[in-house]
C-alpha atoms as a PDB file:
ATOM      1  CA  MET A   1       0.000   0.000   0.000  1.00  0.00           C
ATOM      2  CA  SER A   2       1.284   3.470  -0.861  1.00  0.00           C
ATOM      3  CA  ASP A   3       2.247   6.111   1.653  1.00  0.00           C
ATOM      4  CA  ARG A   4      -0.410   8.443   0.259  1.00  0.00           C
ATOM      5  CA  VAL A   5      -2.253   8.472   3.579  1.00  0.00           C
ATOM      6  CA  LEU A   6      -4.925  10.946   4.646  1.00  0.00           C
ATOM      7  CA  VAL A   7      -6.499  10.544   8.087  1.00  0.00           C
ATOM      8  CA  LEU A   8      -9.607  12.535   9.038  1.00  0.00           C
ATOM      9  CA  VAL A   9     -10.769  12.847  12.647  1.00  0.00           C
ATOM     10  CA  ARG A  10     -13.756  14.769  13.963  1.00  0.00           C
ATOM     11  CA  HIS A  11     -13.002  16.475  17.266  1.00  0.00           C
ATOM     12  CA  GLY A  12     -14.079  14.794  20.507  1.00  0.00           C
ATOM     13  CA  GLN A  13     -17.339  15.685  22.229  1.00  0.00           C
ATOM     14  CA  SER A  14     -17.502  19.416  22.980  1.00  0.00           C
ATOM     15  CA  GLU A  15     -19.242  21.185  25.845  1.00  0.00           C
ATOM     16  CA  TRP A  16     -21.984  22.326  23.478  1.00  0.00           C
ATOM     17  CA  ASN A  17     -22.385  18.902  21.874  1.00  0.00           C
ATOM     18  CA  LEU A  18     -23.217  17.730  25.380  1.00  0.00           C
ATOM     19  CA  LYS A  19     -25.709  20.565  25.911  1.00  0.00           C
ATOM     20  CA  ASN A  20     -27.358  19.985  22.489  1.00  0.00           C
ATOM     21  CA  LEU A  21     -26.480  23.515  21.312  1.00  0.00           C
ATOM     22  CA  PHE A  22     -25.703  24.711  17.802  1.00  0.00           C
ATOM     23  CA  THR A  23     -21.994  25.493  17.954  1.00  0.00           C
ATOM     24  CA  GLY A  24     -20.596  26.514  14.579  1.00  0.00           C
ATOM     25  CA  TRP A  25     -17.754  29.023  14.978  1.00  0.00           C
ATOM     26  CA  ARG A  26     -18.284  29.491  18.724  1.00  0.00           C
ATOM     27  CA  ASP A  27     -15.016  28.492  20.382  1.00  0.00           C
ATOM     28  CA  VAL A  28     -15.986  25.949  23.032  1.00  0.00           C
ATOM     29  CA  ASP A  29     -13.731  23.310  24.535  1.00  0.00           C
ATOM     30  CA  LEU A  30     -13.868  19.536  24.939  1.00  0.00           C
ATOM     31  CA  THR A  31     -15.735  17.731  27.695  1.00  0.00           C
ATOM     32  CA  GLU A  32     -14.082  15.007  29.762  1.00  0.00           C
ATOM     33  CA  VAL A  33     -15.679  12.541  27.347  1.00  0.00           C
ATOM     34  CA  GLY A  34     -14.229  14.494  24.410  1.00  0.00           C
ATOM     35  CA  ILE A  35     -10.756  14.408  25.956  1.00  0.00           C
ATOM     36  CA  ALA A  36     -11.057  10.648  26.412  1.00  0.00           C
ATOM     37  CA  GLU A  37     -12.240  10.259  22.793  1.00  0.00           C
ATOM     38  CA  ALA A  38      -9.233  12.212  21.520  1.00  0.00           C
ATOM     39  CA  ILE A  39      -6.808  10.133  23.559  1.00  0.00           C
ATOM     40  CA  ALA A  40      -8.504   6.954  22.340  1.00  0.00           C
ATOM     41  CA  ALA A  41      -8.207   8.174  18.733  1.00  0.00           C
ATOM     42  CA  GLY A  42      -4.483   8.692  19.247  1.00  0.00           C
ATOM     43  CA  ARG A  43      -4.181   5.218  20.718  1.00  0.00           C
ATOM     44  CA  LYS A  44      -5.991   3.676  17.723  1.00  0.00           C
ATOM     45  CA  LEU A  45      -3.726   5.484  15.274  1.00  0.00           C
ATOM     46  CA  LYS A  46      -0.621   4.523  17.230  1.00  0.00           C
ATOM     47  CA  ALA A  47      -1.722   0.881  16.950  1.00  0.00           C
ATOM     48  CA  GLN A  48      -1.816   1.325  13.158  1.00  0.00           C
ATOM     49  CA  GLY A  49       1.839   2.356  13.201  1.00  0.00           C
ATOM     50  CA  ILE A  50       1.347   5.510  11.116  1.00  0.00           C
ATOM     51  CA  ARG A  51       4.046   8.181  11.413  1.00  0.00           C
ATOM     52  CA  PHE A  52       2.598  11.491  10.280  1.00  0.00           C
ATOM     53  CA  ASP A  53       4.511  14.170   8.369  1.00  0.00           C
ATOM     54  CA  VAL A  54       2.113  17.061   8.948  1.00  0.00           C
ATOM     55  CA  ALA A  55      -1.210  17.832  10.618  1.00  0.00           C
ATOM     56  CA  TYR A  56      -3.964  20.306   9.794  1.00  0.00           C
ATOM     57  CA  THR A  57      -6.708  21.681  12.012  1.00  0.00           C
ATOM     58  CA  SER A  58      -9.133  24.577  12.298  1.00  0.00           C
ATOM     59  CA  VAL A  59      -8.718  27.749  14.361  1.00  0.00           C
ATOM     60  CA  LEU A  60     -11.188  26.407  16.946  1.00  0.00           C
ATOM     61  CA  LYS A  61      -9.830  24.940  20.160  1.00  0.00           C
ATOM     62  CA  ARG A  62     -12.025  21.833  20.268  1.00  0.00           C
ATOM     63  CA  ALA A  63     -10.327  20.621  17.066  1.00  0.00           C
ATOM     64  CA  GLN A  64      -6.886  21.897  18.068  1.00  0.00           C
ATOM     65  CA  ASN A  65      -7.034  20.243  21.482  1.00  0.00           C
ATOM     66  CA  THR A  66      -8.238  16.987  19.946  1.00  0.00           C
ATOM     67  CA  LEU A  67      -5.237  17.065  17.634  1.00  0.00           C
ATOM     68  CA  SER A  68      -2.815  17.869  20.471  1.00  0.00           C
ATOM     69  CA  LEU A  69      -4.112  14.993  22.578  1.00  0.00           C
ATOM     70  CA  MET A  70      -3.847  12.567  19.656  1.00  0.00           C
ATOM     71  CA  LEU A  71      -0.298  13.624  18.805  1.00  0.00           C
ATOM     72  CA  LYS A  72       0.775  13.355  22.438  1.00  0.00           C
ATOM     73  CA  GLU A  73      -0.699   9.865  22.673  1.00  0.00           C
ATOM     74  CA  MET A  74       1.168   8.856  19.519  1.00  0.00           C
ATOM     75  CA  GLY A  75       4.431  10.473  20.640  1.00  0.00           C
ATOM     76  CA  GLN A  76       4.405  12.676  17.529  1.00  0.00           C
ATOM     77  CA  GLU A  77       4.111  16.135  19.091  1.00  0.00           C
ATOM     78  CA  ASN A  78       6.984  17.575  17.040  1.00  0.00           C
ATOM     79  CA  ILE A  79       5.373  17.439  13.600  1.00  0.00           C
ATOM     80  CA  ASP A  80       4.247  20.635  11.854  1.00  0.00           C
ATOM     81  CA  VAL A  81       0.689  21.688  12.727  1.00  0.00           C
ATOM     82  CA  ILE A  82      -1.076  24.077  10.347  1.00  0.00           C
ATOM     83  CA  LYS A  83      -4.206  25.898  11.532  1.00  0.00           C
ATOM     84  CA  ASP A  84      -6.626  27.488   9.094  1.00  0.00           C
ATOM     85  CA  LEU A  85     -10.179  28.804   9.342  1.00  0.00           C
ATOM     86  CA  ALA A  86     -10.937  27.091   6.026  1.00  0.00           C
ATOM     87  CA  LEU A  87     -11.314  23.924   8.129  1.00  0.00           C
ATOM     88  CA  ASN A  88     -13.683  25.521  10.645  1.00  0.00           C
ATOM     89  CA  GLU A  89     -17.089  24.059  11.351  1.00  0.00           C
ATOM     90  CA  ARG A  90     -20.045  25.324   9.365  1.00  0.00           C
ATOM     91  CA  ASP A  91     -21.146  28.763  10.612  1.00  0.00           C
ATOM     92  CA  TYR A  92     -24.644  28.371  12.035  1.00  0.00           C
ATOM     93  CA  GLY A  93     -25.273  32.120  12.164  1.00  0.00           C
ATOM     94  CA  GLU A  94     -28.233  33.058  14.353  1.00  0.00           C
ATOM     95  CA  LEU A  95     -28.657  29.445  15.455  1.00  0.00           C
ATOM     96  CA  ALA A  96     -25.261  29.417  17.207  1.00  0.00           C
ATOM     97  CA  GLY A  97     -25.676  29.069  20.955  1.00  0.00           C
ATOM     98  CA  LEU A  98     -29.295  27.976  20.724  1.00  0.00           C
ATOM     99  CA  ASN A  99     -30.561  24.693  22.086  1.00  0.00           C
ATOM    100  CA  LYS A 100     -31.706  22.569  19.145  1.00  0.00           C
ATOM    101  CA  ASP A 101     -35.040  21.815  20.831  1.00  0.00           C
ATOM    102  CA  ASP A 102     -35.615  25.533  21.480  1.00  0.00           C
ATOM    103  CA  ALA A 103     -34.833  26.291  17.846  1.00  0.00           C
ATOM    104  CA  ARG A 104     -37.460  23.741  16.785  1.00  0.00           C
ATOM    105  CA  LYS A 105     -40.024  25.479  19.012  1.00  0.00           C
ATOM    106  CA  LYS A 106     -39.159  28.863  17.510  1.00  0.00           C
ATOM    107  CA  TRP A 107     -38.964  27.972  13.810  1.00  0.00           C
ATOM    108  CA  GLY A 108     -40.659  24.590  13.635  1.00  0.00           C
ATOM    109  CA  GLU A 109     -39.336  21.042  13.300  1.00  0.00           C
ATOM    110  CA  GLU A 110     -39.397  21.042   9.504  1.00  0.00           C
ATOM    111  CA  GLN A 111     -37.531  24.345   9.071  1.00  0.00           C
ATOM    112  CA  VAL A 112     -34.778  23.414  11.518  1.00  0.00           C
ATOM    113  CA  HIS A 113     -34.425  20.026   9.836  1.00  0.00           C
ATOM    114  CA  ILE A 114     -34.013  21.785   6.462  1.00  0.00           C
ATOM    115  CA  TRP A 115     -31.326  24.067   7.872  1.00  0.00           C
ATOM    116  CA  ARG A 116     -29.471  21.150   9.432  1.00  0.00           C
ATOM    117  CA  ARG A 117     -29.870  18.547   6.712  1.00  0.00           C
ATOM    118  CA  SER A 118     -30.193  20.295   3.373  1.00  0.00           C
ATOM    119  CA  TYR A 119     -27.177  20.850   1.179  1.00  0.00           C
ATOM    120  CA  ASP A 120     -27.706  24.424   0.029  1.00  0.00           C
ATOM    121  CA  VAL A 121     -30.164  26.137   2.420  1.00  0.00           C
ATOM    122  CA  GLN A 122     -28.528  28.589   4.814  1.00  0.00           C
ATOM    123  CA  PRO A 123     -29.686  29.163   8.392  1.00  0.00           C
ATOM    124  CA  PRO A 124     -30.243  32.882   9.133  1.00  0.00           C
ATOM    125  CA  GLY A 125     -26.872  34.638   8.912  1.00  0.00           C
ATOM    126  CA  GLY A 126     -24.992  31.362   8.496  1.00  0.00           C
ATOM    127  CA  GLU A 127     -23.564  28.874   5.999  1.00  0.00           C
ATOM    128  CA  SER A 128     -25.091  25.940   4.188  1.00  0.00           C
ATOM    129  CA  LEU A 129     -23.054  22.773   3.712  1.00  0.00           C
ATOM    130  CA  LYS A 130     -22.532  23.970   0.133  1.00  0.00           C
ATOM    131  CA  ASP A 131     -21.005  27.210   1.476  1.00  0.00           C
ATOM    132  CA  THR A 132     -18.800  25.224   3.852  1.00  0.00           C
ATOM    133  CA  ALA A 133     -17.599  23.035   0.982  1.00  0.00           C
ATOM    134  CA  ALA A 134     -16.819  26.179  -1.042  1.00  0.00           C
ATOM    135  CA  ARG A 135     -14.083  27.127   1.439  1.00  0.00           C
ATOM    136  CA  VAL A 136     -12.965  23.644   2.546  1.00  0.00           C
ATOM    137  CA  LEU A 137     -12.451  22.070  -0.873  1.00  0.00           C
ATOM    138  CA  PRO A 138     -10.182  24.736  -2.447  1.00  0.00           C
ATOM    139  CA  TYR A 139      -8.009  24.582   0.681  1.00  0.00           C
ATOM    140  CA  TYR A 140      -7.888  20.796   0.443  1.00  0.00           C
ATOM    141  CA  ILE A 141      -7.006  20.862  -3.252  1.00  0.00           C
ATOM    142  CA  GLN A 142      -4.361  23.593  -2.924  1.00  0.00           C
ATOM    143  CA  GLU A 143      -2.772  22.803   0.443  1.00  0.00           C
ATOM    144  CA  ILE A 144      -3.513  19.286   1.678  1.00  0.00           C
ATOM    145  CA  LEU A 145      -3.935  17.029  -1.360  1.00  0.00           C
ATOM    146  CA  PRO A 146      -0.572  17.897  -2.999  1.00  0.00           C
ATOM    147  CA  ARG A 147       1.244  16.798   0.155  1.00  0.00           C
ATOM    148  CA  VAL A 148      -0.684  13.511   0.276  1.00  0.00           C
ATOM    149  CA  LEU A 149       0.071  12.864  -3.389  1.00  0.00           C
ATOM    150  CA  ARG A 150       3.774  13.470  -2.745  1.00  0.00           C
ATOM    151  CA  GLY A 151       3.648  10.515  -0.375  1.00  0.00           C
ATOM    152  CA  GLU A 152       3.324  12.413   2.885  1.00  0.00           C
ATOM    153  CA  ARG A 153       1.107  11.077   5.655  1.00  0.00           C
ATOM    154  CA  VAL A 154      -1.374  13.784   6.611  1.00  0.00           C
ATOM    155  CA  LEU A 155      -3.642  14.042   9.662  1.00  0.00           C
ATOM    156  CA  VAL A 156      -6.650  16.405   9.674  1.00  0.00           C
ATOM    157  CA  ALA A 157      -8.541  17.128  12.900  1.00  0.00           C
ATOM    158  CA  ALA A 158     -11.629  19.174  12.138  1.00  0.00           C
ATOM    159  CA  HIS A 159     -15.422  19.251  12.445  1.00  0.00           C
ATOM    160  CA  GLY A 160     -18.496  17.313  11.370  1.00  0.00           C
ATOM    161  CA  ASN A 161     -19.427  19.543   8.448  1.00  0.00           C
ATOM    162  CA  SER A 162     -15.966  20.580   7.267  1.00  0.00           C
ATOM    163  CA  LEU A 163     -15.115  16.871   7.143  1.00  0.00           C
ATOM    164  CA  ARG A 164     -18.400  16.087   5.358  1.00  0.00           C
ATOM    165  CA  ALA A 165     -17.269  18.425   2.586  1.00  0.00           C
ATOM    166  CA  LEU A 166     -14.049  16.405   2.199  1.00  0.00           C
ATOM    167  CA  ILE A 167     -15.737  13.033   2.516  1.00  0.00           C
ATOM    168  CA  MET A 168     -18.278  13.969  -0.153  1.00  0.00           C
ATOM    169  CA  VAL A 169     -15.412  14.338  -2.631  1.00  0.00           C
ATOM    170  CA  LEU A 170     -13.276  11.449  -1.382  1.00  0.00           C
ATOM    171  CA  GLU A 171     -16.149   8.949  -1.330  1.00  0.00           C
ATOM    172  CA  ARG A 172     -17.906  10.429  -4.375  1.00  0.00           C
ATOM    173  CA  LEU A 173     -21.157  10.919  -2.512  1.00  0.00           C
ATOM    174  CA  SER A 174     -24.064  12.894  -3.920  1.00  0.00           C
ATOM    175  CA  THR A 175     -25.303  16.078  -2.282  1.00  0.00           C
ATOM    176  CA  THR A 176     -28.161  13.977  -0.908  1.00  0.00           C
ATOM    177  CA  ALA A 177     -26.089  11.019   0.318  1.00  0.00           C
ATOM    178  CA  ILE A 178     -23.605  13.204   2.218  1.00  0.00           C
ATOM    179  CA  LEU A 179     -26.385  14.597   4.421  1.00  0.00           C
ATOM    180  CA  SER A 180     -26.980  11.217   6.044  1.00  0.00           C
ATOM    181  CA  ARG A 181     -23.262  10.390   6.359  1.00  0.00           C
ATOM    182  CA  GLU A 182     -22.626  10.299  10.095  1.00  0.00           C
ATOM    183  CA  ILE A 183     -19.126  11.073  11.380  1.00  0.00           C
ATOM    184  CA  ALA A 184     -18.505   9.885  14.917  1.00  0.00           C
ATOM    185  CA  THR A 185     -16.528  12.084  17.302  1.00  0.00           C
ATOM    186  CA  GLY A 186     -12.964  10.926  17.828  1.00  0.00           C
ATOM    187  CA  ALA A 187     -13.148   8.109  15.270  1.00  0.00           C
ATOM    188  CA  PRO A 188     -10.254   8.162  12.745  1.00  0.00           C
ATOM    189  CA  LEU A 189     -10.966   7.536   9.069  1.00  0.00           C
ATOM    190  CA  ILE A 190      -7.825   6.321   7.281  1.00  0.00           C
ATOM    191  CA  TYR A 191      -7.802   6.868   3.514  1.00  0.00           C
ATOM    192  CA  HIS A 192      -5.119   5.525   1.202  1.00  0.00           C
ATOM    193  CA  LEU A 193      -5.186   7.474  -2.046  1.00  0.00           C
ATOM    194  CA  ASN A 194      -4.259   6.469  -5.559  1.00  0.00           C
ATOM    195  CA  ALA A 195      -1.894   8.629  -7.612  1.00  0.00           C
ATOM    196  CA  ASP A 196      -4.926  10.242  -9.296  1.00  0.00           C
ATOM    197  CA  SER A 197      -6.307  11.291  -5.864  1.00  0.00           C
ATOM    198  CA  THR A 198      -9.113   8.720  -5.828  1.00  0.00           C
ATOM    199  CA  VAL A 199      -9.520   6.462  -2.779  1.00  0.00           C
ATOM    200  CA  ALA A 200      -7.726   3.116  -2.902  1.00  0.00           C
ATOM    201  CA  SER A 201      -8.974   2.010   0.511  1.00  0.00           C
ATOM    202  CA  LEU A 202     -10.752   3.276   3.610  1.00  0.00           C
ATOM    203  CA  LEU A 203     -10.338   2.005   7.150  1.00  0.00           C
ATOM    204  CA  ASP A 204     -12.908   3.319   9.643  1.00  0.00           C
ATOM    205  CA  LEU A 205     -11.485   2.827  13.114  1.00  0.00           C
ATOM    206  CA  ASN A 206     -14.947   3.295  14.634  1.00  0.00           C
ATOM    207  CA  ALA A 207     -16.369   0.333  12.726  1.00  0.00           C
END
């Protein structure tokens, strides 16, 4: 198998995941469960024997701290870590900070479901998944993918929706199929890529 390795990890449980709040770009930290998930993710990757060349994360501390905990667990704290807001979670706009049940009471079950699970409908003042993909994918193509194709082993610690944008391309999922693609917190997805950037194999360490 080639060394064209790309590993995606969604951050561990955050304080607002626990409270059932829309988070988006709000900078909240990990819970004790989230810390444990990050450490476990590092342990799983260490067991795979992967030595990473570089890591990418967002500018939000729940992703950054997940990455730090994983790297510490793997004994790979000295690799380059690149932080960029292109990898941030989807911006939920006016929904950020609201309890999801309260939002349903205010706008209705159907409307909130559309905002959460449609591809191109924006919540008030926020981003759709399509908007999120519009910033994530150019960054992936320009910054991350070339390093993977050169044979580097790349780790990305990010968020549910920024990773959905990547997974949609990697797994060639439709704009409908990606909406039901669940990404567990702290569960590494190990992709081996072909020279043409298509996926040769996928190992889901949560499976």
